[in-house]
N, C-alpha and C. Protein backbone atom coordinates (compact mmCIF):
# COMPACT_ATOMS: atom_id res chain seq x y z
N MET A 1 67.11 77.57 29.95
CA MET A 1 66.07 77.57 30.89
C MET A 1 65.67 78.89 31.25
N LEU A 2 66.68 79.86 31.64
CA LEU A 2 66.35 81.16 31.96
C LEU A 2 65.96 82.07 30.96
N VAL A 3 66.12 81.67 29.68
CA VAL A 3 65.77 82.57 28.63
C VAL A 3 64.26 82.52 28.31
N ASP A 4 63.52 81.33 29.03
CA ASP A 4 62.24 81.14 28.91
C ASP A 4 61.51 82.20 29.75
N VAL A 5 62.23 82.85 30.69
CA VAL A 5 61.71 83.91 31.43
C VAL A 5 61.26 85.16 30.58
N PHE A 6 62.05 85.37 29.67
CA PHE A 6 61.76 86.50 28.60
C PHE A 6 60.43 86.33 28.02
N TYR A 7 60.10 85.06 27.65
CA TYR A 7 58.85 84.69 26.91
C TYR A 7 57.55 84.89 27.87
N TYR A 8 57.78 84.66 29.09
CA TYR A 8 56.72 84.96 30.13
C TYR A 8 56.50 86.31 30.49
N ILE A 9 57.65 87.06 30.39
CA ILE A 9 57.68 88.61 30.61
C ILE A 9 56.82 89.14 29.35
N LYS A 10 57.26 88.71 28.17
CA LYS A 10 56.49 89.23 26.99
C LYS A 10 55.08 88.96 26.93
N LEU A 11 54.61 87.71 27.54
CA LEU A 11 53.38 87.31 27.63
C LEU A 11 52.53 88.14 28.57
N SER A 12 53.00 88.41 29.74
CA SER A 12 52.45 89.35 30.77
C SER A 12 52.27 90.73 30.03
N MET A 13 53.28 91.24 29.53
CA MET A 13 53.13 92.62 28.94
C MET A 13 52.15 92.63 27.81
N SER A 14 52.06 91.44 27.06
CA SER A 14 51.15 91.58 25.92
C SER A 14 49.63 91.47 26.53
N ILE A 15 49.51 90.78 27.56
CA ILE A 15 48.04 90.76 28.16
C ILE A 15 47.68 92.21 28.57
N PHE A 16 48.70 92.90 29.30
CA PHE A 16 48.47 94.31 29.59
C PHE A 16 48.15 95.19 28.41
N ILE A 17 48.90 95.08 27.49
CA ILE A 17 48.80 95.83 26.14
C ILE A 17 47.40 95.59 25.62
N PHE A 18 46.94 94.23 25.57
CA PHE A 18 45.69 94.05 24.98
C PHE A 18 44.61 94.50 25.96
N SER A 19 44.69 94.44 27.17
CA SER A 19 43.55 94.90 28.05
C SER A 19 43.51 96.44 28.04
N LEU A 20 44.68 96.99 27.86
CA LEU A 20 44.64 98.46 27.70
C LEU A 20 44.08 99.03 26.31
N LEU A 21 44.25 98.21 25.32
CA LEU A 21 43.79 98.59 24.07
C LEU A 21 42.20 98.38 24.02
N ILE A 22 41.72 97.19 24.55
CA ILE A 22 40.24 97.05 24.72
C ILE A 22 39.69 98.21 25.58
N THR A 23 40.30 98.55 26.60
CA THR A 23 39.76 99.77 27.37
C THR A 23 39.67 100.99 26.67
N LEU A 24 40.74 101.26 25.96
CA LEU A 24 40.91 102.45 25.04
C LEU A 24 39.76 102.37 23.93
N ILE A 25 39.44 101.36 23.37
CA ILE A 25 38.43 101.17 22.31
C ILE A 25 37.04 101.40 23.05
N LEU A 26 36.89 100.88 24.17
CA LEU A 26 35.59 101.20 24.68
C LEU A 26 35.44 102.62 25.22
N ILE A 27 36.52 103.33 25.57
CA ILE A 27 36.41 104.73 25.81
C ILE A 27 36.10 105.51 24.62
N LEU A 28 36.76 105.11 23.46
CA LEU A 28 36.50 105.97 22.29
C LEU A 28 35.06 105.59 21.77
N LEU A 29 34.54 104.48 22.00
CA LEU A 29 33.20 104.08 21.61
C LEU A 29 32.16 104.61 22.66
N LYS A 30 32.65 105.38 23.64
CA LYS A 30 31.68 106.11 24.66
C LYS A 30 30.71 104.91 25.34
N LYS A 31 31.26 103.89 25.54
CA LYS A 31 30.46 102.85 26.25
C LYS A 31 30.60 103.25 27.71
N PRO A 32 29.28 102.99 28.36
CA PRO A 32 29.16 103.21 29.87
C PRO A 32 29.91 102.23 30.73
N VAL A 33 30.45 101.15 30.14
CA VAL A 33 31.11 100.14 30.84
C VAL A 33 32.19 100.47 31.61
N VAL A 34 32.99 101.52 31.25
CA VAL A 34 34.32 101.97 31.86
C VAL A 34 33.97 103.26 32.71
N ASN A 35 34.64 103.36 33.79
CA ASN A 35 34.64 104.64 34.55
C ASN A 35 35.92 104.94 34.94
N LYS A 36 36.11 106.21 35.46
CA LYS A 36 37.41 106.68 35.67
C LYS A 36 38.30 105.87 36.72
N TYR A 37 37.52 105.40 37.68
CA TYR A 37 38.29 104.47 38.63
C TYR A 37 38.81 103.15 38.24
N ALA A 38 38.04 102.57 37.21
CA ALA A 38 38.45 101.35 36.56
C ALA A 38 39.45 101.45 35.88
N VAL A 39 39.54 102.58 34.89
CA VAL A 39 40.58 102.86 33.99
C VAL A 39 41.84 103.19 34.74
N GLY A 40 41.73 104.03 35.87
CA GLY A 40 42.91 104.59 36.77
C GLY A 40 43.56 103.21 37.37
N MET A 41 42.66 102.33 37.92
CA MET A 41 43.36 101.26 38.57
C MET A 41 44.00 100.27 37.61
N LEU A 42 43.43 100.13 36.45
CA LEU A 42 43.97 99.35 35.34
C LEU A 42 45.32 99.88 34.92
N ALA A 43 45.35 101.23 34.87
CA ALA A 43 46.64 101.92 34.36
C ALA A 43 47.69 101.76 35.47
N VAL A 44 47.39 101.89 36.61
CA VAL A 44 48.26 101.98 37.74
C VAL A 44 48.77 100.57 37.84
N VAL A 45 48.01 99.43 37.86
CA VAL A 45 48.39 98.13 38.02
C VAL A 45 49.08 97.58 36.84
N SER A 46 48.81 97.97 35.65
CA SER A 46 49.62 97.54 34.47
C SER A 46 50.87 98.14 34.42
N SER A 47 50.99 99.40 34.78
CA SER A 47 52.30 100.26 34.71
C SER A 47 53.13 99.62 35.77
N SER A 48 52.64 99.38 36.90
CA SER A 48 53.58 98.78 37.98
C SER A 48 53.97 97.53 37.83
N VAL A 49 53.22 96.66 37.36
CA VAL A 49 53.55 95.27 37.11
C VAL A 49 54.53 95.14 35.93
N SER A 50 54.24 96.00 34.83
CA SER A 50 55.13 96.13 33.71
C SER A 50 56.64 96.73 34.27
N GLY A 51 56.58 97.58 35.17
CA GLY A 51 57.83 98.02 35.72
C GLY A 51 58.61 96.93 36.51
N VAL A 52 57.85 96.14 37.36
CA VAL A 52 58.43 95.20 38.01
C VAL A 52 59.11 94.03 36.99
N ASN A 53 58.35 93.86 35.92
CA ASN A 53 58.77 92.82 34.88
C ASN A 53 60.04 93.34 34.15
N MET A 54 60.19 94.70 34.16
CA MET A 54 61.27 95.26 33.39
C MET A 54 62.50 94.98 34.42
N ILE A 55 62.36 95.30 35.61
CA ILE A 55 63.45 94.93 36.65
C ILE A 55 63.87 93.53 36.71
N ILE A 56 62.90 92.65 36.78
CA ILE A 56 63.32 91.28 36.66
C ILE A 56 64.00 90.94 35.38
N SER A 57 63.48 91.51 34.31
CA SER A 57 64.16 91.20 33.05
C SER A 57 65.65 91.64 33.07
N GLY A 58 65.89 92.77 33.73
CA GLY A 58 67.31 93.23 33.94
C GLY A 58 68.14 92.43 34.65
N TYR A 59 67.49 91.80 35.80
CA TYR A 59 68.29 90.88 36.58
C TYR A 59 68.62 89.62 35.80
N VAL A 60 67.56 89.09 35.07
CA VAL A 60 67.80 87.90 34.29
C VAL A 60 68.78 88.15 33.25
N ALA A 61 68.84 89.45 32.60
CA ALA A 61 69.70 89.74 31.58
C ALA A 61 71.20 89.63 32.03
N ASP A 62 71.42 90.10 33.30
CA ASP A 62 72.72 90.05 33.87
C ASP A 62 73.25 88.74 34.10
N GLU A 63 72.39 87.76 34.30
CA GLU A 63 72.93 86.32 34.62
C GLU A 63 72.94 85.45 33.43
N VAL A 64 72.22 85.78 32.37
CA VAL A 64 72.29 84.92 31.12
C VAL A 64 73.24 85.45 30.17
N PRO A 65 74.09 84.66 29.65
CA PRO A 65 75.24 85.27 28.80
C PRO A 65 74.66 85.75 27.31
N SER A 66 73.39 85.35 27.03
CA SER A 66 72.73 85.91 25.69
C SER A 66 72.31 87.36 25.88
N GLY A 67 72.41 87.87 26.99
CA GLY A 67 72.04 89.33 27.19
C GLY A 67 70.53 89.51 27.30
N GLY A 68 70.02 90.64 27.13
CA GLY A 68 68.72 90.98 27.39
C GLY A 68 67.77 90.90 26.14
N ASP A 69 66.61 91.41 26.37
CA ASP A 69 65.52 91.30 25.33
C ASP A 69 65.14 92.72 25.07
N PRO A 70 65.39 93.38 23.93
CA PRO A 70 64.97 94.83 23.83
C PRO A 70 63.49 94.93 23.48
N ILE A 71 62.78 93.78 23.18
CA ILE A 71 61.39 93.94 22.73
C ILE A 71 60.69 94.28 24.16
N THR A 72 61.10 93.75 25.21
CA THR A 72 60.38 94.07 26.57
C THR A 72 60.35 95.55 26.91
N LEU A 73 61.47 96.25 26.40
CA LEU A 73 61.42 97.73 26.76
C LEU A 73 60.49 98.42 25.75
N TYR A 74 60.26 98.17 24.61
CA TYR A 74 59.42 98.77 23.79
C TYR A 74 57.88 98.34 24.28
N MET A 75 57.67 97.17 24.67
CA MET A 75 56.40 96.66 25.24
C MET A 75 56.06 97.59 26.60
N PHE A 76 57.12 97.91 27.33
CA PHE A 76 56.98 98.65 28.58
C PHE A 76 56.59 100.02 28.17
N PHE A 77 57.25 100.63 27.13
CA PHE A 77 56.86 101.96 26.77
C PHE A 77 55.46 101.91 26.18
N ALA A 78 55.04 101.04 25.45
CA ALA A 78 53.65 100.83 24.98
C ALA A 78 52.53 100.75 26.11
N VAL A 79 52.87 100.11 27.20
CA VAL A 79 51.96 100.03 28.23
C VAL A 79 51.89 101.45 28.88
N LEU A 80 52.97 102.02 29.11
CA LEU A 80 52.88 103.46 29.71
C LEU A 80 52.16 104.37 28.81
N LEU A 81 52.40 104.33 27.51
CA LEU A 81 51.77 105.27 26.70
C LEU A 81 50.18 105.05 26.60
N LEU A 82 49.77 103.63 26.56
CA LEU A 82 48.41 103.40 26.47
C LEU A 82 47.63 103.78 27.86
N SER A 83 48.43 103.57 28.82
CA SER A 83 47.85 103.95 30.16
C SER A 83 47.62 105.46 30.36
N ILE A 84 48.65 106.28 29.92
CA ILE A 84 48.51 107.70 29.94
C ILE A 84 47.32 108.24 28.97
N VAL A 85 47.30 107.66 27.76
CA VAL A 85 46.26 108.06 26.86
C VAL A 85 44.96 107.71 27.27
N SER A 86 44.70 106.54 27.95
CA SER A 86 43.37 106.14 28.27
C SER A 86 42.93 106.94 29.45
N MET A 87 43.94 107.44 30.46
CA MET A 87 43.54 108.11 31.60
C MET A 87 43.34 109.60 31.05
N ILE A 88 43.89 110.09 29.89
CA ILE A 88 43.52 111.47 29.42
C ILE A 88 42.11 111.47 28.68
N LEU A 89 41.91 110.40 28.03
CA LEU A 89 40.61 110.18 27.21
C LEU A 89 39.45 110.09 28.19
N VAL A 90 39.67 109.25 29.22
CA VAL A 90 38.37 109.17 30.16
C VAL A 90 38.21 110.29 30.92
N SER A 91 39.31 111.14 31.29
CA SER A 91 39.05 112.41 31.85
C SER A 91 38.37 113.42 30.94
N ARG A 92 38.70 113.46 29.67
CA ARG A 92 38.06 114.33 28.73
C ARG A 92 36.56 113.92 28.61
N LYS A 93 36.44 112.59 28.66
CA LYS A 93 35.02 112.10 28.36
C LYS A 93 34.10 112.57 29.46
N ARG A 94 34.58 112.46 30.80
CA ARG A 94 33.90 112.75 31.89
C ARG A 94 33.58 114.24 31.84
N GLU A 95 34.52 115.06 31.51
CA GLU A 95 34.38 116.62 31.44
C GLU A 95 33.19 116.84 30.34
N GLU A 96 33.13 116.26 29.36
CA GLU A 96 32.22 116.31 28.25
C GLU A 96 30.87 115.99 28.68
N GLU A 97 30.68 114.92 29.57
CA GLU A 97 29.55 114.60 30.05
C GLU A 97 29.02 115.50 31.02
N VAL A 98 29.80 116.15 31.92
CA VAL A 98 29.53 117.10 32.89
C VAL A 98 28.93 118.45 32.12
N GLU A 99 29.69 118.80 30.99
CA GLU A 99 29.22 120.04 30.29
C GLU A 99 27.89 119.87 29.64
N CYS A 100 27.54 118.61 29.11
CA CYS A 100 26.47 118.28 28.31
C CYS A 100 25.16 118.32 29.30
N THR A 101 25.43 118.15 30.67
CA THR A 101 24.14 118.13 31.50
C THR A 101 23.94 119.34 32.22
């Protein structure tokens, strides 16, 4: 029963990774849909919720005899990496727009 928690944690982190990838693609295509505030809030929310999921995963891993799930750690690193890359790209995009005008 408690092992199902790992599947829900993977699902929530997969949703964050997917949304960050879509945001990253929109930034690279230079679509005016994304702005710095939206990307920043998405990065902060996804990183903080993924961090809380990692903490919950640690608590569950202590209680379940089967141990933890190493995939959630890699997914957490992917969320952090995508958040940082998207923030850097949106900042550079805004600087290029200011220089062009």
